[in-house]
């Protein structure tokens, strides 16, 4: 491991560059990172066992050899099985405008953008391709340090190569489906997208089955096969993630409960605490304290 490339941990979730940012981190993980979204792409390369990444309710158990691609606007967070575990990973952030500027080199990635990568965030390349991708990451880290007149041009080519490798793996994963399986996959994704867009509506398996003209058992079986969750588990997880986002952006707890489709506050309270490790009101208090501390710090700077 080249320690000169290791980046210090930084809690920020906002890009400072208008093209890309890359981090090679080796540190002790806190055990749980709160759900959040970006307006840019994130590509996560784990180098340590024991980390799960949750994207839009899909939980992926990770290890070396895997890659997670998160599209702009997708709710995601990491979860470490053992608090205090030393975790190594590469993280690449890509500005959407920068990616769009590469589309002449990436015609197939442009198609994947339209599909929004729903349910296909985990990428498992063959070992040779994976090592090529890691080599490209080190090339970006090298150019980040060198930063000479040629670095920007080289970086564009390297990022394009990375995205081409990712597109190949994604395309082969879905391209290998026969017509029937591809249709079933699309059917499940339609249901998944409907759930995401109608969290406040009644979303029982019976209601979804009737809406999408499917047998309840068939719907549940196909949905779990594609997403790794039952429809009920998906609804619960997405409602909780949406409520968490609302609360951490200043919404009242009762408003978040109602707007995210929970009809019973006590059930919402229990599920929220079980999932996030703190009550909705404690989550709101932490957000409020953080805002007040930031406001005080800004006032001190102004003074």
C-alpha atoms as a PDB file:
ATOM      1  CA  UNK A   1       0.000   0.000   0.000  1.00  0.00           C
ATOM      2  CA  UNK A   2       1.343   3.443  -0.956  1.00  0.00           C
ATOM      3  CA  UNK A   3       0.644   5.512   2.169  1.00  0.00           C
ATOM      4  CA  UNK A   4       1.392   8.751   0.344  1.00  0.00           C
ATOM      5  CA  UNK A   5      -1.910   8.290  -1.489  1.00  0.00           C
ATOM      6  CA  UNK A   6      -4.040   7.718   1.638  1.00  0.00           C
ATOM      7  CA  UNK A   7      -6.567  10.517   2.222  1.00  0.00           C
ATOM      8  CA  UNK A   8      -7.506  11.721   5.717  1.00  0.00           C
ATOM      9  CA  UNK A   9     -11.133  11.091   6.651  1.00  0.00           C
ATOM     10  CA  UNK A  10     -13.480  13.956   5.828  1.00  0.00           C
ATOM     11  CA  UNK A  11     -17.162  14.065   6.794  1.00  0.00           C
ATOM     12  CA  UNK A  12     -18.153  16.437   3.972  1.00  0.00           C
ATOM     13  CA  UNK A  13     -20.603  15.157   1.362  1.00  0.00           C
ATOM     14  CA  UNK A  14     -20.237  18.060  -1.102  1.00  0.00           C
ATOM     15  CA  UNK A  15     -17.828  18.177  -4.039  1.00  0.00           C
ATOM     16  CA  UNK A  16     -15.241  20.959  -4.180  1.00  0.00           C
ATOM     17  CA  UNK A  17     -14.049  20.175  -7.711  1.00  0.00           C
ATOM     18  CA  UNK A  18     -16.090  20.489 -10.902  1.00  0.00           C
ATOM     19  CA  UNK A  19     -14.864  17.226 -12.448  1.00  0.00           C
ATOM     20  CA  UNK A  20     -13.993  14.474  -9.966  1.00  0.00           C
ATOM     21  CA  UNK A  21     -12.547  13.773  -6.524  1.00  0.00           C
ATOM     22  CA  UNK A  22     -10.830  10.570  -5.441  1.00  0.00           C
ATOM     23  CA  UNK A  23     -10.016   9.309  -1.950  1.00  0.00           C
ATOM     24  CA  UNK A  24      -8.043   6.309  -0.720  1.00  0.00           C
ATOM     25  CA  UNK A  25      -9.005   5.911   2.922  1.00  0.00           C
ATOM     26  CA  UNK A  26      -7.745   3.601   5.628  1.00  0.00           C
ATOM     27  CA  UNK A  27      -9.254   4.363   9.011  1.00  0.00           C
ATOM     28  CA  UNK A  28     -11.384   3.090  11.846  1.00  0.00           C
ATOM     29  CA  UNK A  29     -15.004   3.170  10.800  1.00  0.00           C
ATOM     30  CA  UNK A  30     -17.629   4.528  13.233  1.00  0.00           C
ATOM     31  CA  UNK A  31     -19.911   1.546  12.660  1.00  0.00           C
ATOM     32  CA  UNK A  32     -22.803   3.438  11.034  1.00  0.00           C
ATOM     33  CA  UNK A  33     -23.110   6.307   8.571  1.00  0.00           C
ATOM     34  CA  UNK A  34     -26.428   8.154   8.298  1.00  0.00           C
ATOM     35  CA  UNK A  35     -28.416   7.865   5.040  1.00  0.00           C
ATOM     36  CA  UNK A  36     -27.718  10.678   2.578  1.00  0.00           C
ATOM     37  CA  UNK A  37     -27.880  11.626  -1.091  1.00  0.00           C
ATOM     38  CA  UNK A  38     -25.578  13.440  -3.535  1.00  0.00           C
ATOM     39  CA  UNK A  39     -26.101  15.363  -6.761  1.00  0.00           C
ATOM     40  CA  UNK A  40     -23.096  13.517  -8.241  1.00  0.00           C
ATOM     41  CA  UNK A  41     -22.044   9.912  -8.900  1.00  0.00           C
ATOM     42  CA  UNK A  42     -20.187   7.968  -6.218  1.00  0.00           C
ATOM     43  CA  UNK A  43     -18.206   4.794  -6.938  1.00  0.00           C
ATOM     44  CA  UNK A  44     -17.149   2.788  -3.880  1.00  0.00           C
ATOM     45  CA  UNK A  45     -14.383   0.167  -3.989  1.00  0.00           C
ATOM     46  CA  UNK A  46     -14.175  -1.801  -0.705  1.00  0.00           C
ATOM     47  CA  UNK A  47     -10.845  -3.405   0.174  1.00  0.00           C
ATOM     48  CA  UNK A  48     -11.975  -4.832   3.519  1.00  0.00           C
ATOM     49  CA  UNK A  49     -14.522  -7.476   4.529  1.00  0.00           C
ATOM     50  CA  UNK A  50     -17.255  -6.609   7.032  1.00  0.00           C
ATOM     51  CA  UNK A  51     -18.821  -3.579   5.314  1.00  0.00           C
ATOM     52  CA  UNK A  52     -22.355  -3.398   3.941  1.00  0.00           C
ATOM     53  CA  UNK A  53     -23.573  -0.662   1.629  1.00  0.00           C
ATOM     54  CA  UNK A  54     -27.278   0.150   1.533  1.00  0.00           C
ATOM     55  CA  UNK A  55     -28.560   1.883  -1.612  1.00  0.00           C
ATOM     56  CA  UNK A  56     -32.271   2.671  -1.978  1.00  0.00           C
ATOM     57  CA  UNK A  57     -33.120  -0.110   0.470  1.00  0.00           C
ATOM     58  CA  UNK A  58     -30.881  -2.738  -1.162  1.00  0.00           C
ATOM     59  CA  UNK A  59     -28.264  -4.074   1.263  1.00  0.00           C
ATOM     60  CA  UNK A  60     -25.027  -5.247  -0.361  1.00  0.00           C
ATOM     61  CA  UNK A  61     -22.490  -7.168   1.738  1.00  0.00           C
ATOM     62  CA  UNK A  62     -19.141  -6.088   0.369  1.00  0.00           C
ATOM     63  CA  UNK A  63     -15.592  -7.289   0.136  1.00  0.00           C
ATOM     64  CA  UNK A  64     -12.536  -6.900  -2.110  1.00  0.00           C
ATOM     65  CA  UNK A  65     -13.376  -7.481  -5.751  1.00  0.00           C
ATOM     66  CA  UNK A  66     -16.711  -5.676  -5.605  1.00  0.00           C
ATOM     67  CA  UNK A  67     -17.727  -2.178  -6.706  1.00  0.00           C
ATOM     68  CA  UNK A  68     -20.793  -0.093  -5.808  1.00  0.00           C
ATOM     69  CA  UNK A  69     -22.051   2.583  -8.211  1.00  0.00           C
ATOM     70  CA  UNK A  70     -24.449   5.161  -6.713  1.00  0.00           C
ATOM     71  CA  UNK A  71     -26.366   7.432  -9.069  1.00  0.00           C
ATOM     72  CA  UNK A  72     -27.195  11.066  -8.215  1.00  0.00           C
ATOM     73  CA  UNK A  73     -30.179  11.295  -5.892  1.00  0.00           C
ATOM     74  CA  UNK A  74     -30.003   7.710  -4.610  1.00  0.00           C
ATOM     75  CA  UNK A  75     -30.202   7.384  -0.810  1.00  0.00           C
ATOM     76  CA  UNK A  76     -27.246   5.395   0.491  1.00  0.00           C
ATOM     77  CA  UNK A  77     -25.094   4.744   3.522  1.00  0.00           C
ATOM     78  CA  UNK A  78     -22.532   2.266   4.823  1.00  0.00           C
ATOM     79  CA  UNK A  79     -22.885  -0.087   7.751  1.00  0.00           C
ATOM     80  CA  UNK A  80     -19.893  -1.766   9.402  1.00  0.00           C
ATOM     81  CA  UNK A  81     -20.506  -5.096  11.124  1.00  0.00           C
ATOM     82  CA  UNK A  82     -17.938  -4.477  13.861  1.00  0.00           C
ATOM     83  CA  UNK A  83     -17.539  -0.981  15.319  1.00  0.00           C
ATOM     84  CA  UNK A  84     -13.876  -0.013  15.336  1.00  0.00           C
ATOM     85  CA  UNK A  85     -13.028  -2.166  12.326  1.00  0.00           C
ATOM     86  CA  UNK A  86     -10.172  -0.723  10.269  1.00  0.00           C
ATOM     87  CA  UNK A  87     -11.603  -0.205   6.796  1.00  0.00           C
ATOM     88  CA  UNK A  88      -9.736   0.393   3.554  1.00  0.00           C
ATOM     89  CA  UNK A  89     -11.631   1.659   0.518  1.00  0.00           C
ATOM     90  CA  UNK A  90     -11.385   3.851  -2.564  1.00  0.00           C
ATOM     91  CA  UNK A  91     -14.115   6.415  -3.156  1.00  0.00           C
ATOM     92  CA  UNK A  92     -14.534   8.225  -6.473  1.00  0.00           C
ATOM     93  CA  UNK A  93     -16.918  11.183  -6.891  1.00  0.00           C
ATOM     94  CA  UNK A  94     -17.912  12.241 -10.406  1.00  0.00           C
ATOM     95  CA  UNK A  95     -19.653  15.502 -11.266  1.00  0.00           C
ATOM     96  CA  UNK A  96     -22.634  14.818 -13.543  1.00  0.00           C
ATOM     97  CA  UNK A  97     -21.590  17.530 -16.023  1.00  0.00           C
ATOM     98  CA  UNK A  98     -18.113  16.000 -16.173  1.00  0.00           C
ATOM     99  CA  UNK A  99     -19.609  12.569 -16.912  1.00  0.00           C
ATOM    100  CA  UNK A 100     -21.859  14.079 -19.590  1.00  0.00           C
ATOM    101  CA  UNK A 101     -18.796  15.655 -21.196  1.00  0.00           C
ATOM    102  CA  UNK A 102     -17.410  12.125 -21.654  1.00  0.00           C
ATOM    103  CA  UNK A 103     -20.500  10.643 -23.303  1.00  0.00           C
ATOM    104  CA  UNK A 104     -18.882  10.665 -26.744  1.00  0.00           C
ATOM    105  CA  UNK A 105     -16.509   8.059 -25.287  1.00  0.00           C
ATOM    106  CA  UNK A 106     -19.254   6.345 -23.271  1.00  0.00           C
ATOM    107  CA  UNK A 107     -22.329   5.702 -25.439  1.00  0.00           C
ATOM    108  CA  UNK A 108     -23.446   2.704 -23.351  1.00  0.00           C
ATOM    109  CA  UNK A 109     -23.000   4.502 -20.031  1.00  0.00           C
ATOM    110  CA  UNK A 110     -25.387   7.180 -21.291  1.00  0.00           C
ATOM    111  CA  UNK A 111     -28.044   4.488 -21.641  1.00  0.00           C
ATOM    112  CA  UNK A 112     -27.380   3.312 -18.105  1.00  0.00           C
ATOM    113  CA  UNK A 113     -27.932   6.870 -16.890  1.00  0.00           C
ATOM    114  CA  UNK A 114     -31.439   6.823 -18.335  1.00  0.00           C
ATOM    115  CA  UNK A 115     -32.146   3.565 -16.528  1.00  0.00           C
ATOM    116  CA  UNK A 116     -31.015   5.276 -13.312  1.00  0.00           C
ATOM    117  CA  UNK A 117     -29.181   2.112 -12.184  1.00  0.00           C
ATOM    118  CA  UNK A 118     -32.106   1.118  -9.952  1.00  0.00           C
ATOM    119  CA  UNK A 119     -31.440  -2.233  -8.317  1.00  0.00           C
ATOM    120  CA  UNK A 120     -28.123  -2.652 -10.168  1.00  0.00           C
ATOM    121  CA  UNK A 121     -25.725  -0.792  -7.923  1.00  0.00           C
ATOM    122  CA  UNK A 122     -23.502  -3.777  -7.107  1.00  0.00           C
ATOM    123  CA  UNK A 123     -20.863  -4.558  -9.733  1.00  0.00           C
ATOM    124  CA  UNK A 124     -18.708  -7.695  -9.541  1.00  0.00           C
ATOM    125  CA  UNK A 125     -16.131  -7.693 -12.354  1.00  0.00           C
ATOM    126  CA  UNK A 126     -13.898 -10.648 -13.130  1.00  0.00           C
ATOM    127  CA  UNK A 127     -10.601 -10.577 -11.142  1.00  0.00           C
ATOM    128  CA  UNK A 128      -8.513  -9.337 -14.089  1.00  0.00           C
ATOM    129  CA  UNK A 129     -10.879  -6.459 -14.823  1.00  0.00           C
ATOM    130  CA  UNK A 130     -11.050  -5.566 -11.135  1.00  0.00           C
ATOM    131  CA  UNK A 131      -7.264  -5.283 -10.886  1.00  0.00           C
ATOM    132  CA  UNK A 132      -7.235  -3.098 -13.998  1.00  0.00           C
ATOM    133  CA  UNK A 133      -9.787  -0.827 -12.316  1.00  0.00           C
ATOM    134  CA  UNK A 134      -7.715  -0.578  -9.128  1.00  0.00           C
ATOM    135  CA  UNK A 135      -4.704   0.320 -11.273  1.00  0.00           C
ATOM    136  CA  UNK A 136      -6.716   3.122 -12.862  1.00  0.00           C
ATOM    137  CA  UNK A 137      -7.616   4.448  -9.406  1.00  0.00           C
ATOM    138  CA  UNK A 138      -3.941   4.608  -8.475  1.00  0.00           C
ATOM    139  CA  UNK A 139      -3.318   6.439 -11.739  1.00  0.00           C
ATOM    140  CA  UNK A 140      -5.877   9.076 -10.703  1.00  0.00           C
ATOM    141  CA  UNK A 141      -4.263   9.360  -7.262  1.00  0.00           C
ATOM    142  CA  UNK A 142      -0.849   9.774  -8.896  1.00  0.00           C
ATOM    143  CA  UNK A 143      -2.077  12.509 -11.228  1.00  0.00           C
ATOM    144  CA  UNK A 144      -3.837  14.191  -8.292  1.00  0.00           C
ATOM    145  CA  UNK A 145      -0.443  14.591  -6.619  1.00  0.00           C
ATOM    146  CA  UNK A 146       1.496  15.408  -9.788  1.00  0.00           C
ATOM    147  CA  UNK A 147      -1.080  17.919 -11.117  1.00  0.00           C
ATOM    148  CA  UNK A 148       0.924  19.083 -14.131  1.00  0.00           C
ATOM    149  CA  UNK A 149      -0.219  20.367 -17.534  1.00  0.00           C
ATOM    150  CA  UNK A 150      -1.055  16.866 -18.781  1.00  0.00           C
ATOM    151  CA  UNK A 151      -2.949  15.678 -15.693  1.00  0.00           C
ATOM    152  CA  UNK A 152      -6.399  16.944 -16.675  1.00  0.00           C
ATOM    153  CA  UNK A 153      -6.283  15.216 -20.076  1.00  0.00           C
ATOM    154  CA  UNK A 154      -4.970  11.975 -18.613  1.00  0.00           C
ATOM    155  CA  UNK A 155      -7.611  12.019 -15.892  1.00  0.00           C
ATOM    156  CA  UNK A 156     -10.422  12.316 -18.460  1.00  0.00           C
ATOM    157  CA  UNK A 157      -9.111   9.236 -20.277  1.00  0.00           C
ATOM    158  CA  UNK A 158      -8.671   7.272 -17.052  1.00  0.00           C
ATOM    159  CA  UNK A 159     -12.179   8.063 -15.789  1.00  0.00           C
ATOM    160  CA  UNK A 160     -13.594   7.111 -19.190  1.00  0.00           C
ATOM    161  CA  UNK A 161     -11.779   3.762 -19.008  1.00  0.00           C
ATOM    162  CA  UNK A 162     -13.186   3.106 -15.540  1.00  0.00           C
ATOM    163  CA  UNK A 163     -16.737   3.829 -16.664  1.00  0.00           C
ATOM    164  CA  UNK A 164     -16.316   1.644 -19.749  1.00  0.00           C
ATOM    165  CA  UNK A 165     -15.237  -1.282 -17.544  1.00  0.00           C
ATOM    166  CA  UNK A 166     -18.252  -0.673 -15.274  1.00  0.00           C
ATOM    167  CA  UNK A 167     -20.604  -0.466 -18.261  1.00  0.00           C
ATOM    168  CA  UNK A 168     -19.273  -3.735 -19.660  1.00  0.00           C
ATOM    169  CA  UNK A 169     -19.964  -5.568 -16.412  1.00  0.00           C
ATOM    170  CA  UNK A 170     -23.445  -4.074 -16.054  1.00  0.00           C
ATOM    171  CA  UNK A 171     -24.317  -4.756 -19.679  1.00  0.00           C
ATOM    172  CA  UNK A 172     -23.144  -8.368 -19.512  1.00  0.00           C
ATOM    173  CA  UNK A 173     -25.128  -8.916 -16.299  1.00  0.00           C
ATOM    174  CA  UNK A 174     -28.417  -7.834 -17.894  1.00  0.00           C
ATOM    175  CA  UNK A 175     -27.567  -8.769 -21.464  1.00  0.00           C
ATOM    176  CA  UNK A 176     -27.357 -12.419 -20.446  1.00  0.00           C
ATOM    177  CA  UNK A 177     -31.058 -12.500 -19.512  1.00  0.00           C
ATOM    178  CA  UNK A 178     -33.431 -14.270 -21.817  1.00  0.00           C
ATOM    179  CA  UNK A 179     -36.565 -12.441 -22.954  1.00  0.00           C
ATOM    180  CA  UNK A 180     -38.757 -13.807 -20.169  1.00  0.00           C
ATOM    181  CA  UNK A 181     -36.300 -12.968 -17.378  1.00  0.00           C
ATOM    182  CA  UNK A 182     -35.670  -9.505 -18.793  1.00  0.00           C
ATOM    183  CA  UNK A 183     -39.413  -8.824 -18.796  1.00  0.00           C
ATOM    184  CA  UNK A 184     -39.733 -10.044 -15.199  1.00  0.00           C
ATOM    185  CA  UNK A 185     -36.866  -7.785 -14.187  1.00  0.00           C
ATOM    186  CA  UNK A 186     -38.558  -4.796 -15.837  1.00  0.00           C
ATOM    187  CA  UNK A 187     -41.868  -5.683 -14.157  1.00  0.00           C
ATOM    188  CA  UNK A 188     -40.225  -5.704 -10.730  1.00  0.00           C
ATOM    189  CA  UNK A 189     -38.433  -2.416 -11.426  1.00  0.00           C
ATOM    190  CA  UNK A 190     -41.765  -0.809 -12.352  1.00  0.00           C
ATOM    191  CA  UNK A 191     -43.175  -1.881  -8.978  1.00  0.00           C
ATOM    192  CA  UNK A 192     -40.033  -0.700  -7.197  1.00  0.00           C
ATOM    193  CA  UNK A 193     -40.243   2.721  -8.844  1.00  0.00           C
ATOM    194  CA  UNK A 194     -43.949   2.966  -8.023  1.00  0.00           C
ATOM    195  CA  UNK A 195     -43.188   2.294  -4.345  1.00  0.00           C
ATOM    196  CA  UNK A 196     -40.479   4.985  -4.361  1.00  0.00           C
ATOM    197  CA  UNK A 197     -42.873   7.550  -5.832  1.00  0.00           C
ATOM    198  CA  UNK A 198     -45.948   6.734  -3.691  1.00  0.00           C
ATOM    199  CA  UNK A 199     -44.708   6.224  -0.133  1.00  0.00           C
ATOM    200  CA  UNK A 200     -47.769   7.949   1.324  1.00  0.00           C
ATOM    201  CA  UNK A 201     -50.188   5.670  -0.537  1.00  0.00           C
ATOM    202  CA  UNK A 202     -51.424   2.256   0.673  1.00  0.00           C
ATOM    203  CA  UNK A 203     -48.734  -0.205  -0.432  1.00  0.00           C
ATOM    204  CA  UNK A 204     -49.771  -3.631   0.819  1.00  0.00           C
ATOM    205  CA  UNK A 205     -48.812  -6.658  -1.272  1.00  0.00           C
ATOM    206  CA  UNK A 206     -52.485  -7.157  -2.141  1.00  0.00           C
ATOM    207  CA  UNK A 207     -52.826  -3.579  -3.393  1.00  0.00           C
ATOM    208  CA  UNK A 208     -49.605  -3.775  -5.411  1.00  0.00           C
ATOM    209  CA  UNK A 209     -50.618  -7.127  -6.897  1.00  0.00           C
ATOM    210  CA  UNK A 210     -53.978  -5.742  -7.961  1.00  0.00           C
ATOM    211  CA  UNK A 211     -52.424  -2.583  -9.391  1.00  0.00           C
ATOM    212  CA  UNK A 212     -49.847  -4.501 -11.448  1.00  0.00           C
ATOM    213  CA  UNK A 213     -52.138  -7.417 -12.377  1.00  0.00           C
ATOM    214  CA  UNK A 214     -50.068 -10.073 -10.634  1.00  0.00           C
ATOM    215  CA  UNK A 215     -50.697 -12.884  -8.181  1.00  0.00           C
ATOM    216  CA  UNK A 216     -49.552 -11.927  -4.647  1.00  0.00           C
ATOM    217  CA  UNK A 217     -47.233 -14.910  -4.254  1.00  0.00           C
ATOM    218  CA  UNK A 218     -45.722 -14.418  -7.707  1.00  0.00           C
ATOM    219  CA  UNK A 219     -45.146 -10.727  -7.044  1.00  0.00           C
ATOM    220  CA  UNK A 220     -43.453 -11.419  -3.698  1.00  0.00           C
ATOM    221  CA  UNK A 221     -41.270 -14.188  -5.115  1.00  0.00           C
ATOM    222  CA  UNK A 222     -40.101 -12.191  -8.145  1.00  0.00           C
ATOM    223  CA  UNK A 223     -39.609  -8.994  -6.156  1.00  0.00           C
ATOM    224  CA  UNK A 224     -37.389 -10.720  -3.599  1.00  0.00           C
ATOM    225  CA  UNK A 225     -35.415 -12.493  -6.307  1.00  0.00           C
ATOM    226  CA  UNK A 226     -34.549  -9.186  -8.008  1.00  0.00           C
ATOM    227  CA  UNK A 227     -34.205  -6.810  -5.034  1.00  0.00           C
ATOM    228  CA  UNK A 228     -33.302  -9.127  -2.147  1.00  0.00           C
ATOM    229  CA  UNK A 229     -36.333  -7.876  -0.176  1.00  0.00           C
ATOM    230  CA  UNK A 230     -40.018  -8.645  -0.006  1.00  0.00           C
ATOM    231  CA  UNK A 231     -42.295  -5.810  -1.135  1.00  0.00           C
ATOM    232  CA  UNK A 232     -43.244  -5.157   2.508  1.00  0.00           C
ATOM    233  CA  UNK A 233     -39.585  -4.945   3.550  1.00  0.00           C
ATOM    234  CA  UNK A 234     -38.875  -2.553   0.682  1.00  0.00           C
ATOM    235  CA  UNK A 235     -41.823  -0.298   1.577  1.00  0.00           C
ATOM    236  CA  UNK A 236     -40.790  -0.175   5.227  1.00  0.00           C
ATOM    237  CA  UNK A 237     -37.138   0.588   4.436  1.00  0.00           C
ATOM    238  CA  UNK A 238     -37.877   3.288   1.884  1.00  0.00           C
ATOM    239  CA  UNK A 239     -40.423   4.958   4.177  1.00  0.00           C
ATOM    240  CA  UNK A 240     -37.914   4.983   7.030  1.00  0.00           C
ATOM    241  CA  UNK A 241     -35.118   6.373   4.834  1.00  0.00           C
ATOM    242  CA  UNK A 242     -37.455   9.086   3.536  1.00  0.00           C
ATOM    243  CA  UNK A 243     -38.538   9.981   7.084  1.00  0.00           C
ATOM    244  CA  UNK A 244     -34.910  10.146   8.211  1.00  0.00           C
ATOM    245  CA  UNK A 245     -34.081  12.485   5.330  1.00  0.00           C
ATOM    246  CA  UNK A 246     -37.057  14.729   6.151  1.00  0.00           C
ATOM    247  CA  UNK A 247     -36.180  14.911   9.856  1.00  0.00           C
ATOM    248  CA  UNK A 248     -32.515  15.671   9.168  1.00  0.00           C
ATOM    249  CA  UNK A 249     -33.615  18.469   6.854  1.00  0.00           C
ATOM    250  CA  UNK A 250     -35.739  20.175   9.499  1.00  0.00           C
ATOM    251  CA  UNK A 251     -39.178  18.556   9.184  1.00  0.00           C
ATOM    252  CA  UNK A 252     -41.194  17.885  12.333  1.00  0.00           C
ATOM    253  CA  UNK A 253     -41.208  14.261  13.462  1.00  0.00           C
ATOM    254  CA  UNK A 254     -45.002  13.945  13.174  1.00  0.00           C
ATOM    255  CA  UNK A 255     -44.924  15.470   9.694  1.00  0.00           C
ATOM    256  CA  UNK A 256     -42.262  12.988   8.568  1.00  0.00           C
ATOM    257  CA  UNK A 257     -44.281  10.124  10.043  1.00  0.00           C
ATOM    258  CA  UNK A 258     -47.429  11.165   8.168  1.00  0.00           C
ATOM    259  CA  UNK A 259     -45.837  12.174   4.851  1.00  0.00           C
ATOM    260  CA  UNK A 260     -43.869   8.932   4.592  1.00  0.00           C
ATOM    261  CA  UNK A 261     -46.905   6.716   4.914  1.00  0.00           C
ATOM    262  CA  UNK A 262     -46.900   5.669   8.580  1.00  0.00           C
ATOM    263  CA  UNK A 263     -50.419   5.653   9.996  1.00  0.00           C
ATOM    264  CA  UNK A 264     -49.391   4.616  13.514  1.00  0.00           C
ATOM    265  CA  UNK A 265     -46.792   6.737  15.337  1.00  0.00           C
ATOM    266  CA  UNK A 266     -45.857   4.052  17.866  1.00  0.00           C
ATOM    267  CA  UNK A 267     -45.060   1.608  15.045  1.00  0.00           C
ATOM    268  CA  UNK A 268     -43.063   4.338  13.281  1.00  0.00           C
ATOM    269  CA  UNK A 269     -41.166   5.093  16.514  1.00  0.00           C
ATOM    270  CA  UNK A 270     -40.218   1.449  17.101  1.00  0.00           C
ATOM    271  CA  UNK A 271     -39.156   0.855  13.495  1.00  0.00           C
ATOM    272  CA  UNK A 272     -37.139   4.084  13.337  1.00  0.00           C
ATOM    273  CA  UNK A 273     -35.260   3.358  16.566  1.00  0.00           C
ATOM    274  CA  UNK A 274     -34.607  -0.244  15.593  1.00  0.00           C
ATOM    275  CA  UNK A 275     -33.219   0.810  12.213  1.00  0.00           C
ATOM    276  CA  UNK A 276     -31.226   3.933  13.062  1.00  0.00           C
ATOM    277  CA  UNK A 277     -30.340   3.330  16.699  1.00  0.00           C
ATOM    278  CA  UNK A 278     -32.054   6.448  18.025  1.00  0.00           C
ATOM    279  CA  UNK A 279     -35.597   7.731  18.335  1.00  0.00           C
ATOM    280  CA  UNK A 280     -37.096  10.162  15.799  1.00  0.00           C
ATOM    281  CA  UNK A 281     -37.076  12.952  18.398  1.00  0.00           C
ATOM    282  CA  UNK A 282     -33.419  12.262  19.274  1.00  0.00           C
ATOM    283  CA  UNK A 283     -32.587  12.382  15.571  1.00  0.00           C
ATOM    284  CA  UNK A 284     -34.370  15.741  15.301  1.00  0.00           C
ATOM    285  CA  UNK A 285     -32.508  17.047  18.376  1.00  0.00           C
ATOM    286  CA  UNK A 286     -29.156  16.049  16.896  1.00  0.00           C
ATOM    287  CA  UNK A 287     -30.028  17.850  13.652  1.00  0.00           C
ATOM    288  CA  UNK A 288     -31.183  20.945  15.546  1.00  0.00           C
ATOM    289  CA  UNK A 289     -28.026  20.967  17.683  1.00  0.00           C
ATOM    290  CA  UNK A 290     -25.862  20.648  14.606  1.00  0.00           C
ATOM    291  CA  UNK A 291     -27.621  23.536  12.882  1.00  0.00           C
ATOM    292  CA  UNK A 292     -27.289  25.753  15.970  1.00  0.00           C
ATOM    293  CA  UNK A 293     -23.598  24.912  16.338  1.00  0.00           C
ATOM    294  CA  UNK A 294     -22.979  25.675  12.666  1.00  0.00           C
ATOM    295  CA  UNK A 295     -24.905  28.939  12.968  1.00  0.00           C
ATOM    296  CA  UNK A 296     -22.865  29.932  16.022  1.00  0.00           C
ATOM    297  CA  UNK A 297     -19.640  29.091  14.218  1.00  0.00           C
ATOM    298  CA  UNK A 298     -20.686  31.210  11.235  1.00  0.00           C
ATOM    299  CA  UNK A 299     -21.485  34.116  13.537  1.00  0.00           C
ATOM    300  CA  UNK A 300     -18.069  33.833  15.178  1.00  0.00           C
ATOM    301  CA  UNK A 301     -16.401  33.904  11.766  1.00  0.00           C
ATOM    302  CA  UNK A 302     -18.382  36.989  10.806  1.00  0.00           C
ATOM    303  CA  UNK A 303     -17.463  38.708  14.085  1.00  0.00           C
END
